[in-house]
Amino acid sequence: MAARKRPDIAIPYRQTGNGITIEVRVEPRSSKRGIVGVLGNMLKVKLTAPPVEGAANEQLIEVIAETLGVRKSDVRVIRGQTSRNKVVEILGLRGL
């Protein structure tokens, strides 16, 4: 497994039986992609993908997986598939 690339910010998360969940606010069609900060208890993520046909969700999964050094298959959007506010589950993590 690749070494985790810890973000420079503290990511608010909740521990679950399967791993952790993170509340996320996405900004699709941005000029850049990546984690840009924390808004209250939500992680703010900019995405270059448009919010059509799941493209933004796929790119969100890629960004989270790359940042935390986990497999894309361990990251999934569990709530808010068509909303800017989402809940993402990362399987297997026990904390950040």
N, C-alpha and C. Protein backbone atom coordinates (compact mmCIF):
# COMPACT_ATOMS: atom_id res chain seq x y z
N MET A 1 0.83 -1.17 0.00
CA MET A 1 0.00 0.00 0.00
C MET A 1 0.89 1.24 0.00
N ALA A 2 0.47 2.26 -0.73
CA ALA A 2 1.25 3.49 -0.82
C ALA A 2 1.19 4.24 0.50
N ALA A 3 2.24 5.01 0.76
CA ALA A 3 2.27 5.82 1.98
C ALA A 3 1.20 6.89 1.90
N ARG A 4 0.57 7.16 3.01
CA ARG A 4 -0.47 8.18 3.05
C ARG A 4 0.14 9.56 2.90
N LYS A 5 -0.50 10.38 2.09
CA LYS A 5 -0.11 11.78 1.93
C LYS A 5 -1.03 12.58 2.84
N ARG A 6 -0.62 12.83 4.02
CA ARG A 6 -1.47 13.53 4.97
C ARG A 6 -1.73 14.96 4.50
N PRO A 7 -3.00 15.37 4.47
CA PRO A 7 -3.29 16.75 4.12
C PRO A 7 -2.78 17.69 5.20
N ASP A 8 -2.57 18.94 4.83
CA ASP A 8 -2.07 19.93 5.76
C ASP A 8 -3.15 20.47 6.70
N ILE A 9 -4.36 19.97 6.56
CA ILE A 9 -5.47 20.43 7.39
C ILE A 9 -6.02 19.25 8.19
N ALA A 10 -6.67 19.56 9.28
CA ALA A 10 -7.33 18.52 10.08
C ALA A 10 -8.70 18.25 9.47
N ILE A 11 -8.91 17.03 9.04
CA ILE A 11 -10.17 16.65 8.40
C ILE A 11 -11.12 16.11 9.45
N PRO A 12 -12.30 16.75 9.61
CA PRO A 12 -13.28 16.22 10.56
C PRO A 12 -13.88 14.92 10.02
N TYR A 13 -13.93 13.89 10.86
CA TYR A 13 -14.45 12.60 10.42
C TYR A 13 -15.18 11.92 11.56
N ARG A 14 -15.93 10.87 11.19
CA ARG A 14 -16.62 10.03 12.17
C ARG A 14 -16.16 8.60 11.97
N GLN A 15 -15.87 7.94 13.06
CA GLN A 15 -15.47 6.53 13.02
C GLN A 15 -16.73 5.67 12.84
N THR A 16 -16.65 4.66 11.99
CA THR A 16 -17.75 3.71 11.80
C THR A 16 -17.20 2.30 11.98
N GLY A 17 -18.06 1.32 11.90
CA GLY A 17 -17.62 -0.06 12.00
C GLY A 17 -16.75 -0.49 10.83
N ASN A 18 -16.91 0.15 9.68
CA ASN A 18 -16.18 -0.20 8.48
C ASN A 18 -14.96 0.67 8.20
N GLY A 19 -14.85 1.80 8.85
CA GLY A 19 -13.77 2.76 8.58
C GLY A 19 -14.15 4.13 9.13
N ILE A 20 -14.17 5.14 8.24
CA ILE A 20 -14.56 6.49 8.65
C ILE A 20 -15.50 7.09 7.61
N THR A 21 -16.27 8.11 8.02
CA THR A 21 -17.06 8.90 7.09
C THR A 21 -16.62 10.35 7.20
N ILE A 22 -16.70 11.04 6.08
CA ILE A 22 -16.34 12.45 6.00
C ILE A 22 -17.47 13.19 5.29
N GLU A 23 -17.90 14.31 5.86
CA GLU A 23 -18.86 15.17 5.17
C GLU A 23 -18.07 16.09 4.25
N VAL A 24 -18.55 16.21 3.01
CA VAL A 24 -17.82 16.94 1.98
C VAL A 24 -18.73 17.93 1.28
N ARG A 25 -18.20 19.10 1.00
CA ARG A 25 -18.87 20.10 0.14
C ARG A 25 -18.03 20.22 -1.12
N VAL A 26 -18.61 19.88 -2.29
CA VAL A 26 -17.85 19.93 -3.53
C VAL A 26 -18.20 21.17 -4.34
N GLU A 27 -17.21 21.62 -5.09
CA GLU A 27 -17.39 22.72 -6.03
C GLU A 27 -16.99 22.21 -7.42
N PRO A 28 -17.98 21.72 -8.20
CA PRO A 28 -17.66 21.19 -9.52
C PRO A 28 -17.33 22.30 -10.51
N ARG A 29 -16.73 21.91 -11.64
CA ARG A 29 -16.36 22.83 -12.72
C ARG A 29 -15.41 23.94 -12.25
N SER A 30 -14.56 23.63 -11.32
CA SER A 30 -13.55 24.57 -10.83
C SER A 30 -12.35 24.54 -11.77
N SER A 31 -11.49 25.53 -11.68
CA SER A 31 -10.29 25.55 -12.53
C SER A 31 -9.21 24.61 -11.99
N LYS A 32 -9.29 24.24 -10.72
CA LYS A 32 -8.34 23.32 -10.10
C LYS A 32 -9.09 22.24 -9.36
N ARG A 33 -8.37 21.13 -9.06
CA ARG A 33 -8.99 20.08 -8.26
C ARG A 33 -8.14 19.82 -7.03
N GLY A 34 -8.81 19.51 -5.93
CA GLY A 34 -8.11 19.19 -4.70
C GLY A 34 -8.87 19.66 -3.47
N ILE A 35 -8.35 19.27 -2.32
CA ILE A 35 -8.92 19.68 -1.05
C ILE A 35 -8.44 21.09 -0.77
N VAL A 36 -9.38 22.00 -0.48
CA VAL A 36 -9.01 23.40 -0.28
C VAL A 36 -9.19 23.88 1.15
N GLY A 37 -9.85 23.11 2.00
CA GLY A 37 -10.01 23.53 3.38
C GLY A 37 -11.19 22.87 4.06
N VAL A 38 -11.55 23.44 5.19
CA VAL A 38 -12.66 22.93 5.98
C VAL A 38 -13.67 24.05 6.15
N LEU A 39 -14.94 23.73 5.94
CA LEU A 39 -16.05 24.66 6.12
C LEU A 39 -16.91 24.11 7.25
N GLY A 40 -16.79 24.65 8.44
CA GLY A 40 -17.51 24.10 9.59
C GLY A 40 -17.02 22.70 9.87
N ASN A 41 -17.92 21.71 9.73
CA ASN A 41 -17.52 20.31 9.93
C ASN A 41 -17.41 19.56 8.61
N MET A 42 -17.34 20.32 7.49
CA MET A 42 -17.28 19.71 6.17
C MET A 42 -15.94 20.01 5.50
N LEU A 43 -15.46 19.04 4.77
CA LEU A 43 -14.26 19.18 3.96
C LEU A 43 -14.66 19.83 2.64
N LYS A 44 -13.98 20.89 2.22
CA LYS A 44 -14.29 21.54 0.94
C LYS A 44 -13.33 21.03 -0.12
N VAL A 45 -13.90 20.54 -1.23
CA VAL A 45 -13.12 19.96 -2.32
C VAL A 45 -13.53 20.60 -3.63
N LYS A 46 -12.53 21.11 -4.37
CA LYS A 46 -12.78 21.65 -5.71
C LYS A 46 -12.53 20.55 -6.73
N LEU A 47 -13.42 20.49 -7.73
CA LEU A 47 -13.33 19.48 -8.78
C LEU A 47 -13.40 20.15 -10.14
N THR A 48 -12.63 19.66 -11.10
CA THR A 48 -12.71 20.19 -12.46
C THR A 48 -13.83 19.53 -13.24
N ALA A 49 -14.30 18.39 -12.82
CA ALA A 49 -15.34 17.64 -13.52
C ALA A 49 -16.70 18.33 -13.36
N PRO A 50 -17.56 18.20 -14.39
CA PRO A 50 -18.91 18.72 -14.27
C PRO A 50 -19.79 17.77 -13.46
N PRO A 51 -20.88 18.27 -12.90
CA PRO A 51 -21.75 17.42 -12.09
C PRO A 51 -22.77 16.66 -12.95
N VAL A 52 -22.30 15.96 -13.97
CA VAL A 52 -23.19 15.20 -14.84
C VAL A 52 -22.72 13.76 -14.95
N GLU A 53 -23.68 12.84 -14.98
CA GLU A 53 -23.41 11.41 -15.16
C GLU A 53 -22.36 10.86 -14.21
N GLY A 54 -22.31 11.38 -12.98
CA GLY A 54 -21.40 10.85 -11.97
C GLY A 54 -19.95 11.27 -12.11
N ALA A 55 -19.63 12.16 -13.05
CA ALA A 55 -18.24 12.56 -13.28
C ALA A 55 -17.64 13.24 -12.05
N ALA A 56 -18.39 14.12 -11.40
CA ALA A 56 -17.88 14.80 -10.22
C ALA A 56 -17.67 13.82 -9.06
N ASN A 57 -18.59 12.88 -8.89
CA ASN A 57 -18.44 11.88 -7.83
C ASN A 57 -17.20 11.02 -8.06
N GLU A 58 -16.97 10.63 -9.31
CA GLU A 58 -15.78 9.83 -9.64
C GLU A 58 -14.50 10.60 -9.34
N GLN A 59 -14.48 11.88 -9.71
CA GLN A 59 -13.29 12.67 -9.45
C GLN A 59 -13.10 12.91 -7.95
N LEU A 60 -14.19 13.08 -7.22
CA LEU A 60 -14.11 13.22 -5.77
C LEU A 60 -13.47 11.98 -5.15
N ILE A 61 -13.89 10.81 -5.60
CA ILE A 61 -13.31 9.56 -5.10
C ILE A 61 -11.81 9.52 -5.39
N GLU A 62 -11.41 9.93 -6.59
CA GLU A 62 -9.99 9.97 -6.95
C GLU A 62 -9.20 10.91 -6.05
N VAL A 63 -9.73 12.10 -5.81
CA VAL A 63 -9.04 13.09 -4.97
C VAL A 63 -8.88 12.58 -3.55
N ILE A 64 -9.95 12.03 -2.98
CA ILE A 64 -9.88 11.52 -1.60
C ILE A 64 -8.88 10.36 -1.52
N ALA A 65 -8.95 9.43 -2.46
CA ALA A 65 -8.06 8.27 -2.46
C ALA A 65 -6.60 8.69 -2.60
N GLU A 66 -6.30 9.60 -3.52
CA GLU A 66 -4.93 10.08 -3.72
C GLU A 66 -4.41 10.79 -2.48
N THR A 67 -5.25 11.62 -1.89
CA THR A 67 -4.83 12.41 -0.71
C THR A 67 -4.54 11.52 0.48
N LEU A 68 -5.38 10.50 0.69
CA LEU A 68 -5.22 9.65 1.87
C LEU A 68 -4.39 8.40 1.60
N GLY A 69 -4.02 8.19 0.36
CA GLY A 69 -3.18 7.04 0.02
C GLY A 69 -3.90 5.71 0.15
N VAL A 70 -5.18 5.70 -0.21
CA VAL A 70 -5.96 4.47 -0.18
C VAL A 70 -6.42 4.13 -1.60
N ARG A 71 -6.92 2.91 -1.78
CA ARG A 71 -7.43 2.51 -3.10
C ARG A 71 -8.75 3.21 -3.38
N LYS A 72 -8.99 3.51 -4.65
CA LYS A 72 -10.27 4.12 -5.03
C LYS A 72 -11.44 3.21 -4.67
N SER A 73 -11.24 1.90 -4.72
CA SER A 73 -12.31 0.97 -4.39
C SER A 73 -12.69 1.02 -2.91
N ASP A 74 -11.86 1.62 -2.06
CA ASP A 74 -12.16 1.75 -0.63
C ASP A 74 -12.89 3.05 -0.31
N VAL A 75 -13.14 3.88 -1.32
CA VAL A 75 -13.81 5.17 -1.13
C VAL A 75 -15.13 5.14 -1.89
N ARG A 76 -16.21 5.54 -1.21
CA ARG A 76 -17.50 5.60 -1.89
C ARG A 76 -18.36 6.71 -1.32
N VAL A 77 -19.18 7.28 -2.20
CA VAL A 77 -20.14 8.30 -1.79
C VAL A 77 -21.37 7.55 -1.29
N ILE A 78 -21.70 7.74 -0.01
CA ILE A 78 -22.83 7.00 0.55
C ILE A 78 -24.08 7.86 0.70
N ARG A 79 -23.94 9.18 0.58
CA ARG A 79 -25.11 10.06 0.64
C ARG A 79 -24.80 11.33 -0.15
N GLY A 80 -25.80 11.83 -0.87
CA GLY A 80 -25.66 13.08 -1.60
C GLY A 80 -25.10 12.92 -3.01
N GLN A 81 -25.41 11.82 -3.67
CA GLN A 81 -24.87 11.56 -5.01
C GLN A 81 -25.17 12.69 -5.99
N THR A 82 -26.30 13.37 -5.85
CA THR A 82 -26.66 14.46 -6.77
C THR A 82 -26.61 15.83 -6.11
N SER A 83 -26.02 15.92 -4.94
CA SER A 83 -25.94 17.17 -4.19
C SER A 83 -24.49 17.64 -4.08
N ARG A 84 -24.30 18.91 -3.77
CA ARG A 84 -22.95 19.41 -3.50
C ARG A 84 -22.47 18.96 -2.12
N ASN A 85 -23.41 18.69 -1.23
CA ASN A 85 -23.08 18.19 0.11
C ASN A 85 -23.17 16.67 0.07
N LYS A 86 -22.08 16.01 0.43
CA LYS A 86 -22.00 14.55 0.33
C LYS A 86 -21.43 13.97 1.62
N VAL A 87 -21.65 12.69 1.79
CA VAL A 87 -20.99 11.93 2.84
C VAL A 87 -20.21 10.83 2.14
N VAL A 88 -18.91 10.77 2.43
CA VAL A 88 -18.00 9.81 1.80
C VAL A 88 -17.52 8.85 2.88
N GLU A 89 -17.54 7.56 2.54
CA GLU A 89 -17.02 6.54 3.45
C GLU A 89 -15.68 6.04 2.92
N ILE A 90 -14.72 5.93 3.81
CA ILE A 90 -13.41 5.36 3.47
C ILE A 90 -13.26 4.09 4.28
N LEU A 91 -13.29 2.97 3.60
CA LEU A 91 -13.23 1.67 4.26
C LEU A 91 -11.83 1.37 4.78
N GLY A 92 -11.77 0.76 5.94
CA GLY A 92 -10.50 0.30 6.48
C GLY A 92 -9.69 1.29 7.28
N LEU A 93 -10.01 2.58 7.22
CA LEU A 93 -9.26 3.57 8.00
C LEU A 93 -9.78 3.58 9.43
N ARG A 94 -8.88 3.78 10.37
CA ARG A 94 -9.25 3.87 11.78
C ARG A 94 -8.98 5.24 12.35
N GLY A 95 -8.77 6.22 11.50
CA GLY A 95 -8.54 7.59 11.94
C GLY A 95 -7.61 8.28 10.97
N LEU A 96 -7.51 9.58 11.12
CA LEU A 96 -6.64 10.39 10.25
C LEU A 96 -5.56 11.05 11.07
